[in-house]
Protein backbone atom coordinates (compact mmCIF):
# COMPACT_ATOMS: atom_id res chain seq x y z
CA MET A 1 -35.18 33.02 14.79
CA PHE A 2 -35.79 36.92 15.62
CA SER A 3 -34.93 38.81 19.03
CA ARG A 4 -35.33 42.26 20.41
CA ILE A 5 -32.24 45.01 19.91
CA ASN A 6 -32.94 48.54 21.03
CA GLY A 7 -36.83 47.86 19.99
CA ARG A 8 -36.65 46.36 17.35
CA THR A 9 -36.90 42.83 15.84
CA ALA A 10 -33.85 41.43 14.37
CA PRO A 11 -32.85 38.36 12.88
CA THR A 12 -30.82 36.42 15.83
CA VAL A 13 -28.89 34.85 12.69
CA TRP A 14 -26.91 37.75 11.73
CA ARG A 15 -25.53 37.81 15.21
CA ARG A 16 -24.12 34.46 14.62
CA PRO A 17 -21.59 34.15 12.33
CA ARG A 18 -20.13 30.98 13.92
CA ALA A 19 -23.49 29.62 13.68
CA ILE A 20 -23.32 30.08 9.82
CA LEU A 21 -19.92 28.77 9.49
CA TRP A 22 -20.90 25.63 10.99
CA ALA A 23 -24.18 25.27 9.24
CA THR A 24 -22.01 25.86 5.89
CA ALA A 25 -19.80 23.28 7.00
CA GLY A 26 -22.45 20.69 7.65
CA VAL A 27 -24.11 21.11 4.08
CA GLY A 28 -20.33 21.05 2.75
CA VAL A 29 -19.66 17.49 4.22
CA LEU A 30 -23.01 16.50 3.22
CA GLY A 31 -23.01 17.51 -0.50
CA PHE A 32 -19.73 15.93 -0.66
CA LEU A 33 -20.63 12.77 0.89
CA ILE A 34 -23.62 12.86 -1.64
CA ALA A 35 -21.05 13.52 -4.44
CA LEU A 36 -18.97 11.02 -3.40
CA GLU A 37 -21.93 8.41 -3.35
CA ILE A 38 -22.68 9.25 -6.91
CA VAL A 39 -19.13 8.85 -8.44
CA ALA A 40 -18.76 5.48 -6.85
CA ARG A 41 -21.93 4.26 -8.13
CA ARG A 42 -21.66 5.44 -11.49
CA GLY A 43 -17.50 5.71 -11.98
CA ALA A 44 -16.90 2.47 -10.28
CA GLY A 45 -19.61 0.66 -9.79
CA ILE A 46 -19.60 0.28 -6.12
CA PRO A 47 -21.78 1.44 -2.98
CA GLY A 48 -20.36 4.88 -1.60
CA PRO A 49 -19.89 5.89 2.07
CA LEU A 50 -23.67 6.95 2.63
CA THR A 51 -24.91 3.35 1.49
CA GLU A 52 -22.34 1.98 3.73
CA GLN A 53 -23.14 3.53 6.82
CA ALA A 54 -26.40 3.16 6.53
CA LYS A 55 -26.07 -0.48 6.14
CA GLU A 56 -24.31 -0.62 9.59
CA THR A 57 -27.47 0.53 11.23
CA VAL A 58 -28.74 -3.27 10.78
CA PHE A 59 -26.08 -5.23 9.22
CA ALA A 60 -22.90 -6.39 11.03
CA PRO A 61 -20.26 -3.63 10.66
CA LYS A 62 -16.72 -3.78 9.56
CA PRO A 63 -14.05 -3.38 11.81
CA GLY A 64 -14.24 0.32 12.02
CA PRO A 65 -13.97 3.30 14.57
CA LEU A 66 -18.04 3.32 15.80
CA TYR A 67 -17.17 3.16 19.55
CA ALA A 68 -14.29 5.54 18.77
CA GLY A 69 -16.97 8.08 17.51
CA LEU A 70 -18.93 7.12 20.69
CA ALA A 71 -16.23 8.45 22.63
CA LEU A 72 -15.71 11.80 21.15
CA THR A 73 -19.25 11.74 21.23
CA MET A 74 -19.00 11.45 25.12
CA VAL A 75 -16.75 14.49 25.67
CA VAL A 76 -19.84 16.58 25.73
CA LEU A 77 -22.18 14.40 28.15
CA THR A 78 -22.17 14.36 31.67
CA TRP A 79 -20.42 11.28 33.74
CA ARG A 80 -23.90 9.92 34.62
CA GLN A 81 -24.78 10.40 30.61
CA ARG A 82 -21.68 8.82 29.67
CA PHE A 83 -22.10 5.78 31.54
CA ILE A 84 -25.99 5.75 30.34
CA ALA A 85 -24.53 5.96 26.87
CA ALA A 86 -21.81 2.95 27.10
CA GLY A 87 -24.52 0.56 29.08
CA ALA A 88 -27.17 1.59 26.47
CA ALA A 89 -24.23 0.76 23.16
CA ILE A 90 -23.50 -2.28 24.63
CA GLY A 91 -26.90 -3.58 25.48
CA ILE A 92 -28.16 -2.94 21.80
CA ASP A 93 -24.71 -4.48 20.62
CA VAL A 94 -25.82 -8.04 22.69
CA VAL A 95 -29.28 -7.82 21.34
CA PHE A 96 -27.71 -8.10 17.83
CA VAL A 97 -25.22 -10.36 17.97
CA LEU A 98 -27.98 -12.73 19.63
CA VAL A 99 -30.00 -12.14 16.93
CA ARG A 100 -27.43 -12.98 14.45
CA TRP A 101 -26.79 -15.83 15.66
CA ALA A 102 -30.34 -17.38 16.39
CA ILE A 103 -30.87 -16.68 12.75
CA GLY A 104 -27.56 -18.03 11.33
CA ALA A 105 -26.28 -14.83 9.65
CA LYS A 106 -22.88 -15.16 8.73
CA VAL A 107 -20.41 -12.32 10.26
CA THR A 108 -17.83 -10.85 7.84
CA ASP A 109 -14.23 -9.96 8.69
CA GLY A 110 -15.11 -11.95 12.37
CA HIS A 111 -16.57 -8.65 13.55
CA SER A 112 -19.98 -7.95 14.79
CA PHE A 113 -19.96 -5.23 17.56
CA GLY A 114 -20.16 -1.46 16.41
CA ASN A 115 -24.38 -1.04 15.78
CA GLY A 116 -25.11 -0.07 19.40
CA ALA A 117 -22.67 2.83 19.54
CA LEU A 118 -24.10 4.09 16.09
CA TRP A 119 -27.41 3.83 17.42
CA VAL A 120 -26.79 5.82 20.32
CA MET A 121 -24.91 8.62 18.49
CA LEU A 122 -28.13 9.05 16.20
CA GLY A 123 -29.96 8.49 19.27
CA TYR A 124 -28.42 11.54 20.90
CA ALA A 125 -29.02 13.68 17.78
CA VAL A 126 -32.65 13.12 17.82
CA VAL A 127 -31.93 14.42 21.88
CA ALA A 128 -30.53 17.36 20.78
CA VAL A 129 -32.91 18.46 18.55
CA THR A 130 -36.01 17.78 20.31
CA ARG A 131 -35.05 17.85 24.21
CA ARG A 132 -32.10 20.85 24.19
CA SER A 133 -32.06 24.27 23.40
CA GLY A 134 -29.65 27.00 23.24
CA ARG A 135 -25.88 26.09 23.69
CA GLU A 136 -26.79 23.05 25.36
CA ARG A 137 -28.42 21.99 21.70
CA VAL A 138 -25.37 22.83 19.91
CA LEU A 139 -22.17 21.56 22.21
CA LEU A 140 -24.35 18.32 21.83
CA LEU A 141 -24.66 18.53 18.26
CA LYS A 142 -21.11 19.09 17.62
CA GLY A 143 -20.24 15.91 19.72
CA VAL A 144 -22.26 13.61 18.18
CA GLY A 145 -21.09 15.44 14.42
CA LEU A 146 -17.87 14.84 15.29
CA GLY A 147 -18.11 11.16 16.25
CA LEU A 148 -20.48 10.60 12.94
CA LEU A 149 -17.64 12.13 11.14
CA LEU A 150 -15.17 10.00 12.25
CA ALA A 151 -17.19 6.91 11.55
CA ALA A 152 -17.79 8.41 8.07
CA GLY A 153 -14.61 9.24 7.43
CA ARG A 154 -13.72 5.62 7.69
CA LYS A 155 -16.26 4.77 5.17
CA THR A 156 -14.99 7.62 2.67
CA GLY A 157 -11.50 6.70 2.74
CA ASP A 158 -12.68 3.00 2.01
CA THR A 159 -14.78 4.57 -1.24
CA TRP A 160 -12.21 6.17 -2.05
CA LEU A 161 -9.14 3.29 -1.80
CA LEU A 162 -12.12 1.12 -4.10
CA ILE A 163 -12.41 4.01 -6.73
CA THR A 164 -8.62 4.32 -7.19
CA SER A 165 -8.40 0.64 -7.91
CA LYS A 166 -11.14 0.32 -9.95
CA THR A 167 -10.37 3.51 -12.25
CA ARG A 168 -7.02 3.51 -11.91
CA PRO A 169 -5.57 0.75 -13.89
CA ALA A 170 -1.98 1.90 -14.27
CA VAL A 171 0.34 2.64 -11.68
CA LEU A 172 3.12 4.45 -11.38
CA ASP A 173 5.55 2.53 -8.75
CA GLN A 174 8.68 2.13 -11.27
CA TYR A 175 9.07 5.69 -11.49
CA VAL A 176 8.72 5.86 -7.25
CA ALA A 177 11.01 3.03 -6.85
CA THR A 178 13.58 4.35 -9.35
CA ALA A 179 13.43 7.87 -7.51
CA ASP A 180 13.65 6.23 -4.35
CA GLN A 181 17.02 4.65 -5.28
CA ALA A 182 18.37 8.21 -4.49
CA LEU A 183 17.38 7.79 -0.74
CA GLY A 184 19.24 4.10 -1.06
CA ASN A 185 16.18 1.96 -0.83
CA PRO A 186 15.25 2.34 2.56
CA SER A 187 12.09 -0.40 2.26
CA TRP A 188 14.44 -2.70 0.73
CA LEU A 189 16.52 -2.48 3.84
CA ALA A 190 13.78 -1.67 6.44
CA GLY A 191 12.27 -4.94 4.88
CA ARG A 192 15.20 -7.37 5.76
CA ILE A 193 15.85 -5.47 8.81
CA VAL A 194 11.83 -6.38 10.36
CA ASN A 195 12.37 -10.00 8.93
CA ALA A 196 15.30 -10.59 11.02
CA THR A 197 13.27 -9.48 14.19
CA GLY A 198 11.20 -12.57 13.63
CA PRO A 199 7.36 -12.74 14.95
CA ILE A 200 8.10 -10.27 17.96
CA GLY A 201 9.22 -7.45 15.74
CA THR A 202 6.62 -7.98 13.13
CA HIS A 203 3.17 -8.46 15.08
CA LEU A 204 4.82 -5.38 17.49
CA LEU A 205 4.76 -3.14 14.10
CA GLY A 206 1.77 -4.69 12.76
CA LEU A 207 -0.43 -3.66 15.77
CA VAL A 208 1.27 -0.19 16.14
CA TYR A 209 0.11 0.41 12.00
CA ALA A 210 -3.42 -0.93 12.50
CA GLN A 211 -4.25 0.77 15.85
CA LEU A 212 -3.05 4.21 14.47
CA ALA A 213 -6.89 5.44 14.80
CA VAL A 214 -7.14 3.99 18.54
CA ALA A 215 -3.47 6.27 19.06
CA ALA A 216 -5.56 9.21 17.40
CA VAL A 217 -8.74 8.80 19.50
CA VAL A 218 -6.85 8.41 22.88
CA VAL A 219 -5.07 11.71 22.20
CA ALA A 220 -8.07 13.37 20.94
CA LEU A 221 -9.61 12.64 23.91
CA TYR A 222 -6.94 14.26 25.97
CA GLN A 223 -7.35 17.56 24.08
CA LEU A 224 -11.10 17.54 24.37
CA ARG A 225 -11.00 16.66 28.15
CA ASN A 226 -12.70 19.84 29.05
CA VAL A 227 -15.26 20.41 26.57
CA ARG A 228 -18.13 19.39 28.76
CA ALA A 229 -16.54 21.64 31.53
CA GLU A 230 -16.21 24.85 29.40
CA GLY A 231 -19.51 24.68 27.43
CA ARG A 232 -16.88 24.79 24.05
CA PHE A 233 -14.74 22.71 21.93
CA PRO A 234 -11.23 23.82 21.60
CA ARG A 235 -10.34 26.05 18.46
CA HIS A 236 -7.98 23.15 16.95
CA HIS A 237 -7.48 19.49 18.22
CA LEU A 238 -6.14 16.47 16.26
CA VAL A 239 -9.46 15.18 14.77
CA ARG A 240 -9.77 18.06 12.68
CA THR A 241 -6.28 17.44 11.02
CA PHE A 242 -7.06 13.83 10.97
CA LEU A 243 -10.10 14.15 9.05
CA VAL A 244 -8.67 17.04 6.29
CA ILE A 245 -5.56 14.65 6.09
CA GLY A 246 -8.16 12.00 4.94
CA LEU A 247 -10.01 14.03 2.87
CA LEU A 248 -7.36 15.44 0.45
CA GLY A 249 -4.81 12.72 0.73
CA PRO A 250 -7.05 10.43 -1.40
CA GLY A 251 -7.31 13.33 -4.31
CA ILE A 252 -3.24 12.84 -4.59
CA TYR A 253 -4.05 9.13 -5.10
CA MET A 254 -6.08 9.79 -8.21
CA LEU A 255 -3.23 12.00 -9.92
CA PHE A 256 -0.31 9.84 -8.89
CA PRO A 257 -1.71 6.22 -8.32
CA VAL A 258 1.27 3.93 -6.20
CA VAL A 259 0.39 0.39 -4.76
CA GLY A 260 4.26 0.09 -2.97
CA PRO A 261 7.10 -2.14 -3.35
CA VAL A 262 5.46 -5.61 -1.66
CA PHE A 263 2.84 -5.08 -4.18
CA ALA A 264 4.93 -3.65 -7.39
CA TYR A 265 7.90 -5.70 -6.11
CA GLY A 266 7.19 -8.26 -4.30
CA PRO A 267 4.36 -11.10 -3.46
CA GLY A 268 1.90 -8.87 -2.42
CA ALA A 269 0.58 -8.38 1.09
CA SER A 270 -1.39 -11.97 1.07
CA GLY A 271 2.17 -13.27 0.42
CA THR A 272 1.26 -14.85 -3.08
CA GLY A 273 -1.13 -12.63 -4.64
CA GLY A 274 0.50 -9.75 -6.26
CA VAL A 275 3.33 -12.05 -7.94
CA GLU A 276 1.59 -12.29 -11.38
CA TRP A 277 1.36 -8.27 -11.22
CA ALA A 278 4.56 -7.48 -10.12
CA VAL A 279 7.61 -6.33 -12.27
CA ALA A 280 9.66 -8.83 -10.30
CA ASN A 281 9.79 -10.77 -7.28
CA LEU A 282 12.58 -8.67 -5.65
CA TRP A 283 11.45 -7.24 -2.45
CA PRO A 284 13.38 -7.22 -0.12
CA HIS A 285 16.28 -8.93 -0.50
CA THR A 286 17.05 -7.50 -4.28
CA PRO A 287 17.12 -3.89 -5.14
CA PRO A 288 15.45 -2.82 -8.06
CA PRO A 289 17.40 -2.24 -11.01
CA LEU A 290 18.11 1.20 -12.72
CA SER A 291 15.89 1.59 -16.15
CA ALA A 292 13.61 3.53 -17.75
CA PRO A 293 10.47 3.54 -15.48
CA HIS A 294 6.95 3.65 -17.76
CA PRO A 295 3.59 2.76 -16.27
CA MET A 296 2.27 -0.74 -15.64
CA LEU A 297 -1.10 -2.40 -14.90
CA TYR A 298 -1.98 -4.06 -12.12
CA ASP A 299 -4.98 -5.77 -10.46
CA GLY A 300 -8.35 -3.94 -10.24
CA ILE A 301 -8.23 -4.89 -6.45
CA THR A 302 -5.32 -3.24 -4.58
CA PRO A 303 -6.04 0.36 -3.47
CA ARG A 304 -3.18 2.88 -5.07
CA ASN A 305 -2.83 4.38 -1.54
CA CYS A 306 1.17 5.17 -1.19
CA MET A 307 1.67 8.73 -2.43
CA PRO A 308 1.76 10.48 -0.22
CA SER A 309 2.19 8.01 2.91
CA LEU A 310 -1.19 9.25 4.90
CA HIS A 311 -0.42 6.91 7.85
CA THR A 312 3.06 8.82 8.11
CA ALA A 313 1.11 11.88 7.88
CA TRP A 314 -1.49 11.04 10.39
CA ALA A 315 1.82 9.67 12.59
CA THR A 316 3.22 13.20 11.93
CA ALA A 317 -0.19 14.71 13.38
CA ILE A 318 -0.21 12.65 16.15
CA PHE A 319 3.68 13.87 17.16
CA ILE A 320 2.66 17.23 16.85
CA HIS A 321 -0.44 17.40 18.89
CA THR A 322 1.17 15.47 21.97
CA ARG A 323 4.00 17.76 22.33
CA GLN A 324 1.60 20.02 24.74
CA GLY A 325 0.83 17.22 26.63
CA PRO A 326 1.87 15.35 29.93
CA ARG A 327 5.60 13.56 29.20
CA ILE A 328 3.91 10.32 28.89
CA LEU A 329 1.92 11.22 26.14
CA ARG A 330 4.76 13.15 24.32
CA TYR A 331 6.89 9.64 24.70
CA ALA A 332 3.82 7.88 23.06
CA GLY A 333 3.58 10.00 20.58
CA THR A 334 7.40 10.27 19.60
CA PHE A 335 7.15 6.00 19.99
CA TRP A 336 3.95 5.99 17.46
CA LEU A 337 6.15 8.02 15.18
CA THR A 338 9.05 6.26 14.87
CA ALA A 339 7.16 2.43 15.13
CA THR A 340 4.79 4.05 12.10
CA LEU A 341 7.81 5.61 10.08
CA ALA A 342 9.06 1.57 10.56
CA ALA A 343 6.32 -0.31 9.91
CA THR A 344 5.36 1.42 6.50
CA LEU A 345 8.72 0.96 5.05
CA GLY A 346 9.56 -2.72 6.44
CA PHE A 347 5.91 -4.33 5.41
CA GLY A 348 6.65 -2.91 2.17
CA TYR A 349 3.62 -0.63 2.10
CA HIS A 350 5.59 2.72 1.21
CA TYR A 351 8.62 3.95 -0.42
CA GLY A 352 11.33 6.41 1.37
CA THR A 353 9.69 9.00 -0.67
CA ASP A 354 5.98 8.25 0.17
CA LEU A 355 7.43 9.07 3.54
CA ILE A 356 9.23 12.34 2.73
CA ALA A 357 6.24 13.40 1.08
CA GLY A 358 3.50 12.20 3.65
CA VAL A 359 5.91 14.81 6.35
CA VAL A 360 5.21 17.76 4.19
CA PHE A 361 1.64 17.10 3.52
CA ALA A 362 0.78 17.11 7.45
CA LEU A 363 2.85 20.00 7.92
CA THR A 364 1.14 21.81 5.65
CA ILE A 365 -2.23 20.83 6.51
CA GLU A 366 -1.29 21.33 10.25
CA ALA A 367 0.04 25.19 9.54
CA ALA A 368 -3.15 25.67 7.11
CA LEU A 369 -5.49 24.64 10.09
CA ARG A 370 -3.65 26.63 12.80
CA SER A 371 -3.54 29.63 10.19
CA PHE A 372 -7.35 29.17 9.80
CA ASP A 373 -7.88 29.36 13.25
CA ARG A 374 -5.68 32.34 14.07
CA GLY A 375 -6.32 34.54 10.97
CA TRP A 376 -4.33 34.17 7.76
CA HIS A 377 -1.32 36.18 8.47
CA ARG A 378 1.73 36.70 6.50
CA SER A 379 4.00 34.02 8.25
CA GLY A 380 1.25 30.95 7.96
CA ILE A 381 0.77 32.31 4.40
CA GLN A 382 4.15 32.21 3.61
CA PHE A 383 4.62 28.66 5.37
CA VAL A 384 1.96 27.18 3.45
CA THR A 385 2.63 28.46 0.23
CA TYR A 386 6.28 27.28 0.83
CA GLY A 387 5.00 23.72 2.14
CA THR A 388 2.54 23.33 -1.02
CA MET A 389 5.59 24.51 -3.34
CA VAL A 390 7.82 21.87 -1.95
CA PHE A 391 4.90 19.01 -1.89
CA ALA A 392 4.25 19.83 -5.83
CA THR A 393 8.04 19.70 -6.50
CA LEU A 394 8.27 16.30 -4.81
CA LEU A 395 5.65 14.99 -7.09
CA VAL A 396 6.76 16.47 -9.99
CA SER A 397 10.29 15.46 -9.87
CA TYR A 398 9.02 11.74 -8.96
CA ARG A 399 7.40 11.51 -12.22
CA TYR A 400 9.46 13.08 -14.48
CA LEU A 401 12.88 13.42 -13.15
CA PRO A 402 13.46 9.68 -11.50
CA VAL A 403 16.09 8.53 -13.34
CA GLN A 404 18.31 11.66 -13.04
CA MET A 405 17.37 11.40 -9.07
CA ALA A 406 18.69 7.73 -9.27
CA GLU A 407 22.41 8.40 -11.28
CA HIS A 408 22.98 11.46 -8.85
CA ALA A 409 21.79 9.68 -5.72
CA TRP A 410 24.53 11.88 -3.78
CA VAL A 411 23.40 14.76 -4.61
CA CYS A 412 19.28 14.05 -5.11
CA GLY A 413 19.34 12.20 -2.08
CA PRO A 414 20.49 14.78 0.49
CA LEU A 415 17.78 17.40 -1.35
CA LEU A 416 14.82 15.26 -0.42
CA VAL A 417 16.10 15.24 3.02
CA LEU A 418 16.76 18.91 2.76
CA ALA A 419 13.56 19.87 1.61
CA MET A 420 11.90 17.83 4.15
CA ALA A 421 14.18 19.24 6.64
CA SER A 422 13.17 22.81 5.46
CA VAL A 423 9.63 22.38 5.59
CA ILE A 424 10.10 20.78 9.30
CA HIS A 425 12.25 24.02 10.42
CA GLY A 426 9.62 26.26 8.92
CA TYR A 427 7.24 24.91 10.47
CA VAL A 428 9.12 24.80 14.22
CA ARG A 429 9.74 28.88 13.92
CA VAL A 430 6.44 29.38 12.42
CA THR A 431 4.54 28.17 14.73
CA ALA A 432 6.71 29.51 17.80
CA LEU A 433 5.97 32.78 16.60
CA TRP A 434 2.53 31.96 17.06
CA GLU A 435 2.49 30.70 20.77
CA PRO A 436 1.94 33.28 23.61
CA LYS A 437 4.92 34.25 25.05
CA ALA A 438 4.90 34.79 28.74
CA ALA A 439 6.10 38.06 30.33
CA PRO A 440 8.67 37.98 32.11
CA ALA A 441 8.42 38.74 36.08
CA ARG A 442 8.95 42.53 37.02
CA ARG A 443 11.57 42.99 39.46
CA SER A 444 11.25 44.60 42.35
CA GLU A 445 12.72 47.94 42.79
CA ARG A 446 13.60 47.78 46.21
CA GLN A 447 16.86 45.69 46.67
CA PRO A 448 17.02 43.24 49.16
CA GLU A 449 19.10 44.82 52.48
CA LEU A 450 22.25 42.48 53.09
CA VAL A 451 22.41 40.89 56.81
């Protein structure tokens, strides 16, 4: 705790502001999880993220990113340690599966793997505290924390979604659907196109939509590939953006609860469950009529997770973070963004207005994180302020001006697209100013002789 400086004893902690920052961030995250646990239990009567994560040390885990979290933890390990960690995780999972099979335990969701990955991450946390010191301890703790944060982020998101369904009985789909007419009801059009592609297109888009987290981990592993060699994490990477989007997005769900066109205007994702709660069974073949919107009651199960589209925000973040990678990674990022937009609309999970809000949301958060790393200079402050204002204006317009937007579609539709395009342009322009510029090569004063 103390070191000698010029013959005097001084606390080392004051010379380590980044250590203080990391400690503060850790306490803040833990406090948030505890608060969410209390809200989930008292407000919605459901277990919170800490309880759900603790249960997965013993009980069969739900499908989630436990092995993805272990993969992120492995970036701070040597290759020998990685093989040992992977082997230990698989071995522990095999033991758990055999025990469950022996006692006849029921496995939910057809998923029984992941306990091993969680145990290995917790084990490395113990190793970091008891067997490591100095920078090696800090690096290992950061790797474990990153992996556990990814796992906890999924539990936090699931808890938020349950809270929205329990505490927001009325949804605002009629407002969003009415405003969406300014864009020409893109979800209805995309839904008919996806249906026309048959099972091939449906299965492909479904795979892309469901495996978005896997794509993010692949990109993150590329960005973090040199962590062990350099002994430090890069200043900014995709996992940070993913976690912040997942942290802030559900708060907007609480303010603007929306279930999506397949639920509010169709049969529901299961094919039948949403008809009794829907306005009418219109999606995707019959566009909704223009009428005065009002809040509508919906069931206590379906998450209110449409505004903004976080799948769009996450896919946008993946696209951004692949721009500096090799060609195959850039192509993959472009494909994932395009396919995710097609899936969110084509499956009826989102309205077109959700997607516009999701893009603005992602770019604003990405710029804010990069500004935080670089220091809050004028260009970053101006863009984050502008992006926040555009996002707030979109939400206010969807809520209070949907009829006017639908009646003047030829004006309001292009304005919505223009607002999104202005944020995209601003982000590209600002980040280009932040990129280091290569100095031009100095020309030799001596001219080559002509032969």
